[in-house]
N, C-alpha and C. Protein backbone atom coordinates (compact mmCIF):
# COMPACT_ATOMS: atom_id res chain seq x y z
N UNK A 1 -1.85 6.08 -13.46
CA UNK A 1 -0.76 6.09 -12.79
C UNK A 1 -0.17 7.45 -12.85
N UNK A 2 0.36 8.01 -11.70
CA UNK A 2 0.99 9.34 -11.56
C UNK A 2 2.43 9.38 -12.10
N UNK A 3 2.93 10.27 -11.88
CA UNK A 3 4.36 10.45 -12.27
C UNK A 3 5.36 9.53 -11.53
N UNK A 4 6.54 9.48 -12.08
CA UNK A 4 7.31 8.27 -11.42
C UNK A 4 7.61 9.01 -10.04
N UNK A 5 7.91 10.40 -9.87
CA UNK A 5 8.17 10.99 -8.48
C UNK A 5 6.93 10.61 -7.56
N UNK A 6 5.72 10.86 -7.98
CA UNK A 6 4.57 10.59 -6.98
C UNK A 6 4.47 9.18 -6.69
N UNK A 7 4.79 8.25 -7.48
CA UNK A 7 4.67 6.73 -7.59
C UNK A 7 5.67 6.42 -6.25
N UNK A 8 6.93 7.08 -6.59
CA UNK A 8 7.83 6.64 -5.38
C UNK A 8 7.58 7.34 -4.07
N UNK A 9 7.24 8.47 -4.17
CA UNK A 9 6.64 9.26 -2.97
C UNK A 9 5.73 8.53 -2.11
N UNK A 10 4.85 7.73 -2.63
CA UNK A 10 3.87 6.89 -2.28
C UNK A 10 4.53 5.67 -1.51
N UNK A 11 5.75 5.20 -2.12
CA UNK A 11 6.36 4.20 -1.41
C UNK A 11 7.29 4.46 -0.25
N UNK A 12 7.62 5.78 -0.19
CA UNK A 12 8.54 6.32 0.71
C UNK A 12 8.19 6.31 2.09
N UNK A 13 6.82 6.47 2.30
CA UNK A 13 6.36 6.65 3.46
C UNK A 13 6.05 5.19 4.41
N UNK A 14 6.71 5.05 5.73
CA UNK A 14 6.64 3.96 6.35
C UNK A 14 5.33 3.11 6.33
N UNK A 15 4.31 4.04 6.89
CA UNK A 15 3.04 3.23 7.09
C UNK A 15 2.44 2.84 5.61
N UNK A 16 2.64 3.63 4.64
CA UNK A 16 2.12 3.05 3.24
C UNK A 16 2.82 1.90 2.81
N UNK A 17 4.24 1.94 2.99
CA UNK A 17 4.98 0.78 2.54
C UNK A 17 4.48 -0.49 3.41
N UNK A 18 4.31 -0.22 4.79
CA UNK A 18 3.86 -1.49 5.57
C UNK A 18 2.57 -2.08 4.98
N UNK A 19 1.65 -1.06 4.69
CA UNK A 19 0.52 -1.56 4.18
C UNK A 19 0.33 -2.35 2.91
N UNK A 20 1.32 -1.71 1.99
CA UNK A 20 1.66 -2.52 0.81
C UNK A 20 2.22 -3.70 0.93
N UNK A 21 3.16 -4.03 1.86
CA UNK A 21 3.80 -5.20 2.37
C UNK A 21 2.75 -6.12 2.67
N UNK A 22 1.70 -5.70 3.35
CA UNK A 22 0.44 -6.69 3.80
C UNK A 22 -0.41 -6.83 2.57
N UNK A 23 -0.64 -6.06 1.73
CA UNK A 23 -1.51 -6.25 0.48
C UNK A 23 -0.91 -6.90 -0.54
N UNK A 24 0.45 -6.97 -0.71
CA UNK A 24 1.21 -7.46 -1.81
C UNK A 24 1.15 -9.03 -2.01
N UNK A 25 0.54 -9.52 -1.05
CA UNK A 25 0.24 -11.13 -1.13
C UNK A 25 -1.13 -11.35 -2.07
N UNK A 26 -1.85 -10.37 -2.47
CA UNK A 26 -3.10 -10.23 -3.21
C UNK A 26 -4.33 -10.33 -2.25
N UNK A 27 -4.19 -10.51 -0.93
CA UNK A 27 -5.37 -10.55 -0.13
C UNK A 27 -6.06 -9.22 -0.07
N UNK A 28 -7.24 -9.20 0.42
CA UNK A 28 -7.95 -7.92 0.67
C UNK A 28 -8.25 -7.68 2.11
N UNK A 29 -7.86 -6.35 2.44
CA UNK A 29 -8.14 -5.93 3.82
C UNK A 29 -8.95 -4.68 3.99
N UNK A 30 -9.68 -4.90 4.99
CA UNK A 30 -10.37 -3.59 5.17
C UNK A 30 -9.70 -2.59 6.08
N UNK A 31 -10.01 -1.33 6.08
CA UNK A 31 -9.20 -0.38 6.82
C UNK A 31 -9.06 -0.76 8.40
N UNK A 32 -9.99 -1.24 8.95
CA UNK A 32 -9.78 -1.63 10.37
C UNK A 32 -8.84 -2.81 10.55
N UNK A 33 -8.65 -3.70 9.62
CA UNK A 33 -7.67 -4.69 9.75
C UNK A 33 -6.17 -4.13 9.57
N UNK A 34 -6.10 -3.04 8.55
CA UNK A 34 -4.93 -2.43 8.40
C UNK A 34 -4.49 -1.58 9.46
N UNK A 35 -5.62 -0.87 10.29
CA UNK A 35 -5.18 -0.28 11.43
C UNK A 35 -4.61 -1.04 12.45
N UNK A 36 -5.36 -2.28 12.85
CA UNK A 36 -4.92 -3.23 13.85
C UNK A 36 -3.43 -3.57 13.56
N UNK A 37 -3.20 -3.98 12.34
CA UNK A 37 -1.71 -4.50 11.95
C UNK A 37 -0.76 -3.30 11.95
N UNK A 38 -1.14 -2.34 11.63
CA UNK A 38 -0.08 -1.07 11.71
C UNK A 38 -0.05 -0.06 12.66
N UNK A 39 -1.19 -0.05 13.58
CA UNK A 39 -1.30 0.71 14.72
C UNK A 39 -1.47 2.25 14.39
N UNK A 40 -2.37 2.41 13.34
CA UNK A 40 -2.68 3.71 12.81
C UNK A 40 -4.13 3.89 13.25
N UNK A 41 -4.44 5.38 13.26
CA UNK A 41 -5.88 5.54 13.42
C UNK A 41 -6.66 5.59 12.04
N UNK A 42 -7.86 5.43 12.17
CA UNK A 42 -8.62 5.23 10.97
C UNK A 42 -8.54 6.49 10.07
N UNK A 43 -8.47 7.65 10.59
CA UNK A 43 -8.39 8.83 9.55
C UNK A 43 -6.88 8.71 8.90
N UNK A 44 -5.95 8.40 9.38
CA UNK A 44 -4.56 8.24 8.96
C UNK A 44 -4.46 7.13 8.18
N UNK A 45 -5.17 6.01 8.46
CA UNK A 45 -4.95 4.91 7.56
C UNK A 45 -5.80 5.22 6.28
N UNK A 46 -6.84 5.77 6.49
CA UNK A 46 -7.71 6.17 5.23
C UNK A 46 -6.87 6.86 4.34
N UNK A 47 -6.30 8.03 4.91
CA UNK A 47 -5.33 8.97 3.89
C UNK A 47 -4.21 8.27 3.24
N UNK A 48 -3.77 7.45 4.03
CA UNK A 48 -2.55 6.70 3.51
C UNK A 48 -3.03 5.91 2.31
N UNK A 49 -4.19 5.17 2.55
CA UNK A 49 -4.71 4.37 1.31
C UNK A 49 -5.16 5.08 0.27
N UNK A 50 -5.50 6.31 0.40
CA UNK A 50 -6.10 7.46 -0.56
C UNK A 50 -4.68 7.58 -1.42
N UNK A 51 -3.65 7.77 -0.75
CA UNK A 51 -2.35 8.04 -1.53
C UNK A 51 -1.95 6.93 -2.31
N UNK A 52 -2.03 5.56 -1.90
CA UNK A 52 -1.73 4.46 -2.55
C UNK A 52 -2.62 4.27 -3.76
N UNK A 53 -3.94 4.55 -3.52
CA UNK A 53 -5.03 4.19 -4.59
C UNK A 53 -4.70 5.45 -5.70
N UNK A 54 -4.35 6.72 -5.52
CA UNK A 54 -4.06 7.72 -6.33
C UNK A 54 -2.92 7.25 -7.23
N UNK A 55 -1.80 6.67 -6.53
CA UNK A 55 -0.60 6.29 -7.15
C UNK A 55 -0.79 4.99 -8.18
N UNK A 56 -2.10 4.46 -7.97
CA UNK A 56 -2.41 3.15 -8.81
C UNK A 56 -1.79 1.74 -8.20
N UNK A 57 -1.31 2.04 -7.13
CA UNK A 57 -0.81 0.65 -6.46
C UNK A 57 -1.88 -0.17 -5.87
N UNK A 58 -3.16 0.38 -5.33
CA UNK A 58 -4.10 -0.52 -4.75
C UNK A 58 -5.45 0.04 -5.38
N UNK A 59 -6.46 -0.95 -5.49
CA UNK A 59 -7.75 -0.57 -5.74
C UNK A 59 -8.62 -0.92 -4.42
N UNK A 60 -9.79 -0.23 -4.55
CA UNK A 60 -10.79 -0.65 -3.40
C UNK A 60 -12.28 -1.01 -3.85
N UNK A 61 -12.84 -1.56 -2.74
CA UNK A 61 -14.31 -1.70 -3.19
C UNK A 61 -15.11 -1.66 -1.92
N UNK A 62 -16.26 -1.03 -2.03
CA UNK A 62 -17.16 -0.87 -0.85
C UNK A 62 -17.79 -2.11 -0.48
N UNK A 63 -18.13 -2.63 0.62
CA UNK A 63 -18.61 -3.72 1.31
C UNK A 63 -19.51 -3.22 2.49
N UNK A 64 -20.77 -2.86 2.15
CA UNK A 64 -21.64 -2.38 3.25
C UNK A 64 -20.80 -1.09 3.77
N UNK A 65 -20.40 -1.11 5.07
CA UNK A 65 -19.83 0.14 5.55
C UNK A 65 -18.37 0.10 5.35
N UNK A 66 -17.79 -1.11 5.08
CA UNK A 66 -16.35 -1.27 5.01
C UNK A 66 -15.87 -0.79 3.64
N UNK A 67 -14.58 -0.52 3.64
CA UNK A 67 -13.81 -0.18 2.24
C UNK A 67 -12.87 -1.26 2.25
N UNK A 68 -12.73 -2.00 1.37
CA UNK A 68 -11.61 -3.07 1.40
C UNK A 68 -10.71 -2.70 0.34
N UNK A 69 -9.37 -2.91 0.63
CA UNK A 69 -8.14 -2.48 -0.42
C UNK A 69 -7.44 -3.89 -0.86
N UNK A 70 -7.02 -3.81 -2.06
CA UNK A 70 -6.02 -4.91 -2.39
C UNK A 70 -5.29 -4.45 -3.56
N UNK A 71 -4.12 -5.27 -3.58
CA UNK A 71 -3.22 -4.91 -4.65
C UNK A 71 -3.83 -4.60 -6.18
N UNK A 72 -3.56 -3.69 -6.94
CA UNK A 72 -4.14 -3.45 -8.15
C UNK A 72 -3.52 -4.47 -9.25
N UNK A 73 -4.50 -5.32 -9.53
CA UNK A 73 -4.11 -6.26 -10.51
C UNK A 73 -3.77 -5.82 -11.87
N UNK A 74 -3.98 -4.57 -12.17
CA UNK A 74 -3.81 -4.08 -13.54
C UNK A 74 -2.57 -3.13 -13.34
N UNK A 75 -1.79 -3.36 -12.44
CA UNK A 75 -0.30 -2.42 -12.00
C UNK A 75 0.42 -2.81 -13.31
N UNK A 76 1.00 -2.01 -13.95
CA UNK A 76 2.09 -2.48 -15.03
C UNK A 76 3.08 -3.14 -14.46
N UNK A 77 3.73 -4.17 -15.10
CA UNK A 77 4.65 -5.00 -14.61
C UNK A 77 5.72 -4.54 -14.09
N UNK A 78 6.21 -3.32 -14.73
CA UNK A 78 7.38 -2.50 -14.53
C UNK A 78 7.21 -1.82 -13.15
N UNK A 79 5.96 -1.28 -12.74
CA UNK A 79 5.53 -0.80 -11.52
C UNK A 79 5.55 -1.88 -10.35
N UNK A 80 5.08 -2.88 -10.63
CA UNK A 80 5.13 -3.99 -9.83
C UNK A 80 6.54 -4.48 -9.54
N UNK A 81 7.33 -4.58 -10.31
CA UNK A 81 8.86 -4.84 -10.21
C UNK A 81 9.48 -3.88 -9.15
N UNK A 82 9.14 -2.59 -9.26
CA UNK A 82 9.90 -1.61 -8.41
C UNK A 82 9.27 -1.97 -6.99
N UNK A 83 7.92 -2.36 -6.75
CA UNK A 83 7.34 -2.39 -5.54
C UNK A 83 8.08 -3.51 -5.01
N UNK A 84 8.11 -4.77 -5.87
CA UNK A 84 8.68 -6.09 -5.40
C UNK A 84 10.20 -5.75 -4.70
N UNK A 85 10.85 -5.13 -5.42
CA UNK A 85 12.20 -4.55 -5.32
C UNK A 85 12.29 -3.92 -3.87
N UNK A 86 11.32 -3.13 -3.79
CA UNK A 86 11.49 -2.12 -2.47
C UNK A 86 11.15 -3.02 -1.40
N UNK A 87 10.23 -3.86 -1.35
CA UNK A 87 9.68 -4.71 -0.46
C UNK A 87 10.84 -5.73 0.04
N UNK A 88 11.58 -6.15 -1.08
CA UNK A 88 12.74 -7.10 -0.83
C UNK A 88 13.84 -6.38 -0.14
N UNK A 89 13.93 -5.08 -0.47
CA UNK A 89 15.38 -4.45 -0.02
C UNK A 89 15.00 -3.85 1.49
N UNK A 90 13.94 -4.00 2.04
CA UNK A 90 13.54 -3.12 3.36
C UNK A 90 13.05 -4.20 4.36
N UNK A 91 13.17 -3.90 5.47
CA UNK A 91 12.74 -4.81 6.48
C UNK A 91 11.30 -4.38 6.81
N UNK A 92 10.61 -4.91 7.84
CA UNK A 92 9.31 -4.66 8.35
C UNK A 92 8.88 -3.29 8.64
N UNK A 93 9.97 -2.70 9.19
CA UNK A 93 9.95 -1.17 9.70
C UNK A 93 10.22 -0.34 8.42
N UNK A 94 10.56 -0.77 7.32
CA UNK A 94 10.77 0.15 6.18
C UNK A 94 12.31 0.50 5.88
N UNK A 95 12.97 -0.05 6.86
CA UNK A 95 14.53 0.33 6.64
C UNK A 95 15.19 -0.46 5.78
N UNK A 96 16.39 -0.03 5.03
CA UNK A 96 17.23 -0.84 4.24
C UNK A 96 17.69 -2.12 5.05
N UNK A 97 17.29 -3.23 4.31
CA UNK A 97 17.68 -4.39 5.07
C UNK A 97 19.20 -4.71 5.02
N UNK A 98 19.80 -5.37 6.01
CA UNK A 98 21.18 -5.65 5.96
C UNK A 98 21.52 -6.65 5.14
């Protein structure tokens, strides 16, 4: 896990937060699925997933030519509660919910 600032910065970017919103249910997604759901290019999506992985929020596994991502099952409970709160407090576009 990185510093709290790095962790929160990973959550602050709208595309990364949207990806976490998808991954937070525990399912696995390949970059191509995330690209399709979020309207991002492959390079952009891979870069964002790298930031989330470095922050300890997601893990990946290689499946032939695909890289699949999912929520990190070993994420500390305190960090998971922060992500839960951010997801609950924001809408699908990452804005503070009314």
